[in-house]
PDB file of all heavy atoms in Angstrom:
ATOM      1  N   VAL A   1    -171.509 -61.726   6.422  1.00  0.00           N
ATOM      2  CA  VAL A   1    -170.246 -61.902   5.697  1.00  0.00           C
ATOM      3  C   VAL A   1    -169.302 -60.900   6.262  1.00  0.00           C
ATOM      4  O   VAL A   1    -169.589 -59.688   6.473  1.00  0.00           O
ATOM      5  CB  VAL A   1    -170.505 -61.614   4.102  1.00  0.00           C
ATOM      6  CG1 VAL A   1    -171.066 -60.244   3.889  1.00  0.00           C
ATOM      7  CG2 VAL A   1    -169.241 -61.796   3.312  1.00  0.00           C
ATOM      8  N   SER A   2    -168.094 -61.315   6.447  1.00  0.00           N
ATOM      9  CA  SER A   2    -167.121 -60.608   7.173  1.00  0.00           C
ATOM     10  C   SER A   2    -165.861 -60.396   6.352  1.00  0.00           C
ATOM     11  O   SER A   2    -165.643 -61.138   5.350  1.00  0.00           O
ATOM     12  CB  SER A   2    -166.746 -61.238   8.467  1.00  0.00           C
ATOM     13  OG  SER A   2    -167.788 -61.314   9.335  1.00  0.00           O
ATOM     14  N   LEU A   3    -165.015 -59.401   6.685  1.00  0.00           N
ATOM     15  CA  LEU A   3    -163.761 -59.147   5.859  1.00  0.00           C
ATOM     16  C   LEU A   3    -162.736 -58.911   7.008  1.00  0.00           C
ATOM     17  O   LEU A   3    -162.737 -57.773   7.663  1.00  0.00           O
ATOM     18  CB  LEU A   3    -163.861 -57.969   4.933  1.00  0.00           C
ATOM     19  CG  LEU A   3    -162.660 -57.779   4.118  1.00  0.00           C
ATOM     20  CD1 LEU A   3    -162.434 -58.806   3.104  1.00  0.00           C
ATOM     21  CD2 LEU A   3    -162.735 -56.415   3.421  1.00  0.00           C
ATOM     22  N   GLN A   4    -161.881 -59.879   7.237  1.00  0.00           N
ATOM     23  CA  GLN A   4    -160.692 -59.667   8.179  1.00  0.00           C
ATOM     24  C   GLN A   4    -159.558 -59.009   7.316  1.00  0.00           C
ATOM     25  O   GLN A   4    -159.173 -59.511   6.347  1.00  0.00           O
ATOM     26  CB  GLN A   4    -160.297 -61.081   8.648  1.00  0.00           C
ATOM     27  CG  GLN A   4    -159.069 -61.000   9.604  1.00  0.00           C
ATOM     28  CD  GLN A   4    -159.410 -60.232  10.869  1.00  0.00           C
ATOM     29  OE1 GLN A   4    -160.381 -60.471  11.529  1.00  0.00           O
ATOM     30  NE2 GLN A   4    -158.514 -59.459  11.393  1.00  0.00           N
ATOM     31  N   MET A   5    -159.231 -57.847   7.880  1.00  0.00           N
ATOM     32  CA  MET A   5    -158.196 -57.058   7.250  1.00  0.00           C
ATOM     33  C   MET A   5    -156.954 -56.980   8.138  1.00  0.00           C
ATOM     34  O   MET A   5    -156.983 -56.390   9.196  1.00  0.00           O
ATOM     35  CB  MET A   5    -158.705 -55.713   6.914  1.00  0.00           C
ATOM     36  CG  MET A   5    -160.036 -55.746   6.110  1.00  0.00           C
ATOM     37  SD  MET A   5    -160.507 -54.095   5.519  1.00  0.00           S
ATOM     38  CE  MET A   5    -160.779 -53.325   7.083  1.00  0.00           C
ATOM     39  N   ASN A   6    -155.866 -57.597   7.676  1.00  0.00           N
ATOM     40  CA  ASN A   6    -154.573 -57.534   8.388  1.00  0.00           C
ATOM     41  C   ASN A   6    -153.563 -56.661   7.726  1.00  0.00           C
ATOM     42  O   ASN A   6    -153.712 -56.458   6.505  1.00  0.00           O
ATOM     43  CB  ASN A   6    -154.081 -58.926   8.653  1.00  0.00           C
ATOM     44  CG  ASN A   6    -155.098 -59.828   9.455  1.00  0.00           C
ATOM     45  OD1 ASN A   6    -155.754 -59.331  10.317  1.00  0.00           O
ATOM     46  ND2 ASN A   6    -155.117 -61.182   9.143  1.00  0.00           N
ATOM     47  N   MET A   7    -152.588 -56.356   8.355  1.00  0.00           N
ATOM     48  CA  MET A   7    -151.393 -55.599   7.838  1.00  0.00           C
ATOM     49  C   MET A   7    -151.934 -54.456   7.058  1.00  0.00           C
ATOM     50  O   MET A   7    -151.529 -54.194   5.775  1.00  0.00           O
ATOM     51  CB  MET A   7    -150.488 -56.599   7.051  1.00  0.00           C
ATOM     52  CG  MET A   7    -149.919 -57.654   7.815  1.00  0.00           C
ATOM     53  SD  MET A   7    -148.820 -58.770   6.782  1.00  0.00           S
ATOM     54  CE  MET A   7    -150.069 -59.601   5.892  1.00  0.00           C
ATOM     55  N   LEU A   8    -152.847 -53.721   7.624  1.00  0.00           N
ATOM     56  CA  LEU A   8    -153.404 -52.613   6.862  1.00  0.00           C
ATOM     57  C   LEU A   8    -152.351 -51.566   6.406  1.00  0.00           C
ATOM     58  O   LEU A   8    -151.395 -51.275   7.126  1.00  0.00           O
ATOM     59  CB  LEU A   8    -154.648 -51.946   7.577  1.00  0.00           C
ATOM     60  CG  LEU A   8    -155.813 -52.725   7.711  1.00  0.00           C
ATOM     61  CD1 LEU A   8    -156.713 -52.337   8.902  1.00  0.00           C
ATOM     62  CD2 LEU A   8    -156.612 -52.525   6.311  1.00  0.00           C
ATOM     63  N   LYS A   9    -152.597 -50.893   5.261  1.00  0.00           N
ATOM     64  CA  LYS A   9    -151.771 -49.881   4.652  1.00  0.00           C
ATOM     65  C   LYS A   9    -152.619 -48.615   4.463  1.00  0.00           C
ATOM     66  O   LYS A   9    -153.723 -48.644   4.365  1.00  0.00           O
ATOM     67  CB  LYS A   9    -151.159 -50.411   3.338  1.00  0.00           C
ATOM     68  CG  LYS A   9    -150.486 -51.755   3.385  1.00  0.00           C
ATOM     69  CD  LYS A   9    -150.108 -52.142   1.994  1.00  0.00           C
ATOM     70  CE  LYS A   9    -149.402 -53.418   1.922  1.00  0.00           C
ATOM     71  NZ  LYS A   9    -149.036 -53.809   0.657  1.00  0.00           N
ATOM     72  N   SER A  10    -151.887 -47.462   4.270  1.00  0.00           N
ATOM     73  CA  SER A  10    -152.628 -46.222   4.134  1.00  0.00           C
ATOM     74  C   SER A  10    -153.548 -46.298   2.910  1.00  0.00           C
ATOM     75  O   SER A  10    -154.649 -45.688   2.872  1.00  0.00           O
ATOM     76  CB  SER A  10    -151.549 -45.141   4.086  1.00  0.00           C
ATOM     77  OG  SER A  10    -150.676 -45.389   3.010  1.00  0.00           O
ATOM     78  N   GLU A  11    -153.106 -47.035   1.861  1.00  0.00           N
ATOM     79  CA  GLU A  11    -153.802 -47.108   0.608  1.00  0.00           C
ATOM     80  C   GLU A  11    -155.123 -47.898   0.846  1.00  0.00           C
ATOM     81  O   GLU A  11    -155.902 -47.994  -0.151  1.00  0.00           O
ATOM     82  CB  GLU A  11    -152.956 -47.663  -0.495  1.00  0.00           C
ATOM     83  CG  GLU A  11    -152.255 -48.885  -0.074  1.00  0.00           C
ATOM     84  CD  GLU A  11    -150.695 -48.744   0.283  1.00  0.00           C
ATOM     85  OE1 GLU A  11    -150.472 -47.807   1.039  1.00  0.00           O
ATOM     86  OE2 GLU A  11    -149.893 -49.380  -0.250  1.00  0.00           O
ATOM     87  N   ASP A  12    -155.330 -48.613   1.985  1.00  0.00           N
ATOM     88  CA  ASP A  12    -156.562 -49.280   2.189  1.00  0.00           C
ATOM     89  C   ASP A  12    -157.624 -48.372   2.779  1.00  0.00           C
ATOM     90  O   ASP A  12    -158.777 -48.739   2.807  1.00  0.00           O
ATOM     91  CB  ASP A  12    -156.322 -50.365   3.275  1.00  0.00           C
ATOM     92  CG  ASP A  12    -155.457 -51.503   2.699  1.00  0.00           C
ATOM     93  OD1 ASP A  12    -155.557 -51.888   1.588  1.00  0.00           O
ATOM     94  OD2 ASP A  12    -154.559 -51.950   3.614  1.00  0.00           O
ATOM     95  N   THR A  13    -157.234 -47.175   2.940  1.00  0.00           N
ATOM     96  CA  THR A  13    -158.240 -46.115   3.405  1.00  0.00           C
ATOM     97  C   THR A  13    -159.354 -45.879   2.460  1.00  0.00           C
ATOM     98  O   THR A  13    -159.094 -45.635   1.256  1.00  0.00           O
ATOM     99  CB  THR A  13    -157.514 -44.801   3.728  1.00  0.00           C
ATOM    100  OG1 THR A  13    -156.606 -44.957   4.833  1.00  0.00           O
ATOM    101  CG2 THR A  13    -158.581 -43.721   4.119  1.00  0.00           C
ATOM    102  N   ALA A  14    -160.548 -46.132   2.822  1.00  0.00           N
ATOM    103  CA  ALA A  14    -161.760 -46.042   1.946  1.00  0.00           C
ATOM    104  C   ALA A  14    -163.028 -46.369   2.775  1.00  0.00           C
ATOM    105  O   ALA A  14    -162.873 -46.683   3.961  1.00  0.00           O
ATOM    106  CB  ALA A  14    -161.613 -47.088   0.832  1.00  0.00           C
ATOM    107  N   VAL A  15    -164.146 -46.155   2.120  1.00  0.00           N
ATOM    108  CA  VAL A  15    -165.382 -46.520   2.694  1.00  0.00           C
ATOM    109  C   VAL A  15    -165.614 -47.954   2.098  1.00  0.00           C
ATOM    110  O   VAL A  15    -165.534 -48.155   0.871  1.00  0.00           O
ATOM    111  CB  VAL A  15    -166.518 -45.684   2.400  1.00  0.00           C
ATOM    112  CG1 VAL A  15    -167.842 -46.179   2.846  1.00  0.00           C
ATOM    113  CG2 VAL A  15    -166.291 -44.260   2.888  1.00  0.00           C
ATOM    114  N   TYR A  16    -165.914 -48.938   3.045  1.00  0.00           N
ATOM    115  CA  TYR A  16    -166.175 -50.312   2.503  1.00  0.00           C
ATOM    116  C   TYR A  16    -167.656 -50.692   2.546  1.00  0.00           C
ATOM    117  O   TYR A  16    -168.292 -50.370   3.464  1.00  0.00           O
ATOM    118  CB  TYR A  16    -165.309 -51.240   3.489  1.00  0.00           C
ATOM    119  CG  TYR A  16    -163.832 -51.256   3.237  1.00  0.00           C
ATOM    120  CD1 TYR A  16    -163.037 -50.085   3.522  1.00  0.00           C
ATOM    121  CD2 TYR A  16    -163.235 -52.293   2.621  1.00  0.00           C
ATOM    122  CE1 TYR A  16    -161.724 -50.019   3.316  1.00  0.00           C
ATOM    123  CE2 TYR A  16    -161.847 -52.286   2.350  1.00  0.00           C
ATOM    124  CZ  TYR A  16    -161.189 -51.225   2.745  1.00  0.00           C
ATOM    125  OH  TYR A  16    -159.723 -51.180   2.529  1.00  0.00           O
ATOM    126  N   TYR A  17    -167.945 -51.382   1.494  1.00  0.00           N
ATOM    127  CA  TYR A  17    -169.369 -51.672   1.303  1.00  0.00           C
ATOM    128  C   TYR A  17    -169.480 -53.162   1.058  1.00  0.00           C
ATOM    129  O   TYR A  17    -168.504 -53.843   0.434  1.00  0.00           O
ATOM    130  CB  TYR A  17    -170.060 -50.983   0.095  1.00  0.00           C
ATOM    131  CG  TYR A  17    -169.963 -49.495   0.176  1.00  0.00           C
ATOM    132  CD1 TYR A  17    -168.883 -48.815  -0.284  1.00  0.00           C
ATOM    133  CD2 TYR A  17    -171.021 -48.792   0.606  1.00  0.00           C
ATOM    134  CE1 TYR A  17    -168.777 -47.484  -0.283  1.00  0.00           C
ATOM    135  CE2 TYR A  17    -171.003 -47.372   0.603  1.00  0.00           C
ATOM    136  CZ  TYR A  17    -169.842 -46.736   0.205  1.00  0.00           C
ATOM    137  OH  TYR A  17    -169.844 -45.352   0.169  1.00  0.00           O
ATOM    138  N   CYS A  18    -170.614 -53.796   1.390  1.00  0.00           N
ATOM    139  CA  CYS A  18    -170.853 -55.237   0.926  1.00  0.00           C
ATOM    140  C   CYS A  18    -172.070 -55.162   0.059  1.00  0.00           C
ATOM    141  O   CYS A  18    -172.962 -54.334   0.002  1.00  0.00           O
ATOM    142  CB  CYS A  18    -170.996 -56.170   2.072  1.00  0.00           C
ATOM    143  SG  CYS A  18    -172.558 -56.058   2.895  1.00  0.00           S
ATOM    144  N   ASN A  19    -172.103 -56.112  -0.841  1.00  0.00           N
ATOM    145  CA  ASN A  19    -173.188 -56.380  -1.771  1.00  0.00           C
ATOM    146  C   ASN A  19    -173.002 -57.733  -2.428  1.00  0.00           C
ATOM    147  O   ASN A  19    -172.038 -58.406  -2.262  1.00  0.00           O
ATOM    148  CB  ASN A  19    -173.124 -55.293  -2.847  1.00  0.00           C
ATOM    149  CG  ASN A  19    -174.549 -54.927  -3.478  1.00  0.00           C
ATOM    150  OD1 ASN A  19    -175.321 -55.863  -3.626  1.00  0.00           O
ATOM    151  ND2 ASN A  19    -174.779 -53.691  -3.524  1.00  0.00           N
ATOM    152  N   THR A  20    -173.926 -58.195  -3.255  1.00  0.00           N
ATOM    153  CA  THR A  20    -173.669 -59.275  -4.069  1.00  0.00           C
ATOM    154  C   THR A  20    -172.663 -59.008  -5.176  1.00  0.00           C
ATOM    155  O   THR A  20    -172.367 -57.812  -5.457  1.00  0.00           O
ATOM    156  CB  THR A  20    -174.994 -59.933  -4.731  1.00  0.00           C
ATOM    157  OG1 THR A  20    -175.385 -58.936  -5.609  1.00  0.00           O
ATOM    158  CG2 THR A  20    -176.008 -60.073  -3.653  1.00  0.00           C
ATOM    159  N   VAL A  21    -172.046 -60.048  -5.762  1.00  0.00           N
ATOM    160  CA  VAL A  21    -171.062 -59.854  -6.815  1.00  0.00           C
ATOM    161  C   VAL A  21    -171.783 -59.151  -7.980  1.00  0.00           C
ATOM    162  O   VAL A  21    -171.180 -58.318  -8.683  1.00  0.00           O
ATOM    163  CB  VAL A  21    -170.481 -61.184  -7.376  1.00  0.00           C
ATOM    164  CG1 VAL A  21    -169.753 -60.959  -8.577  1.00  0.00           C
ATOM    165  CG2 VAL A  21    -169.632 -61.792  -6.248  1.00  0.00           C
ATOM    166  N   ARG A  22    -173.094 -59.318  -8.060  1.00  0.00           N
ATOM    167  CA  ARG A  22    -173.865 -58.626  -9.247  1.00  0.00           C
ATOM    168  C   ARG A  22    -174.290 -57.135  -8.718  1.00  0.00           C
ATOM    169  O   ARG A  22    -175.134 -56.629  -9.477  1.00  0.00           O
ATOM    170  CB  ARG A  22    -174.947 -59.491  -9.730  1.00  0.00           C
ATOM    171  CG  ARG A  22    -174.602 -60.771 -10.429  1.00  0.00           C
ATOM    172  CD  ARG A  22    -175.667 -61.555 -10.994  1.00  0.00           C
ATOM    173  NE  ARG A  22    -175.280 -62.686 -11.746  1.00  0.00           N
ATOM    174  CZ  ARG A  22    -176.051 -63.458 -12.416  1.00  0.00           C
ATOM    175  NH1 ARG A  22    -177.476 -63.244 -12.481  1.00  0.00           N
ATOM    176  NH2 ARG A  22    -175.739 -64.554 -13.142  1.00  0.00           N
ATOM    177  N   ARG A  23    -174.103 -56.881  -7.504  1.00  0.00           N
ATOM    178  CA  ARG A  23    -174.530 -55.618  -6.990  1.00  0.00           C
ATOM    179  C   ARG A  23    -176.092 -55.508  -6.999  1.00  0.00           C
ATOM    180  O   ARG A  23    -176.536 -54.430  -7.325  1.00  0.00           O
ATOM    181  CB  ARG A  23    -173.931 -54.423  -7.735  1.00  0.00           C
ATOM    182  CG  ARG A  23    -172.343 -54.446  -7.855  1.00  0.00           C
ATOM    183  CD  ARG A  23    -171.727 -53.207  -8.486  1.00  0.00           C
ATOM    184  NE  ARG A  23    -170.233 -53.263  -8.405  1.00  0.00           N
ATOM    185  CZ  ARG A  23    -169.549 -52.277  -8.622  1.00  0.00           C
ATOM    186  NH1 ARG A  23    -170.003 -51.038  -8.608  1.00  0.00           N
ATOM    187  NH2 ARG A  23    -168.137 -52.378  -8.635  1.00  0.00           N
ATOM    188  N   SER A  24    -176.701 -56.575  -6.669  1.00  0.00           N
ATOM    189  CA  SER A  24    -178.130 -56.569  -6.761  1.00  0.00           C
ATOM    190  C   SER A  24    -178.799 -56.067  -5.562  1.00  0.00           C
ATOM    191  O   SER A  24    -180.063 -55.771  -5.542  1.00  0.00           O
ATOM    192  CB  SER A  24    -178.553 -58.145  -7.009  1.00  0.00           C
ATOM    193  OG  SER A  24    -178.025 -58.882  -6.145  1.00  0.00           O
ATOM    194  N   PHE A  25    -178.157 -55.867  -4.404  1.00  0.00           N
ATOM    195  CA  PHE A  25    -178.766 -55.220  -3.163  1.00  0.00           C
ATOM    196  C   PHE A  25    -178.748 -53.745  -3.309  1.00  0.00           C
ATOM    197  O   PHE A  25    -177.914 -53.265  -4.119  1.00  0.00           O
ATOM    198  CB  PHE A  25    -177.995 -55.698  -1.996  1.00  0.00           C
ATOM    199  CG  PHE A  25    -178.224 -57.160  -1.613  1.00  0.00           C
ATOM    200  CD1 PHE A  25    -177.441 -57.668  -0.681  1.00  0.00           C
ATOM    201  CD2 PHE A  25    -179.135 -57.984  -2.316  1.00  0.00           C
ATOM    202  CE1 PHE A  25    -177.537 -58.963  -0.310  1.00  0.00           C
ATOM    203  CE2 PHE A  25    -179.263 -59.261  -1.978  1.00  0.00           C
ATOM    204  CZ  PHE A  25    -178.486 -59.874  -0.938  1.00  0.00           C
TER     205      PHE A  25
END
């Protein structure tokens, strides 16, 4: 699963994680 991020802004600064919508992993 991918996340294409365009036109990035300073407020996008963060640690990015993936998981299920239910956070089951």
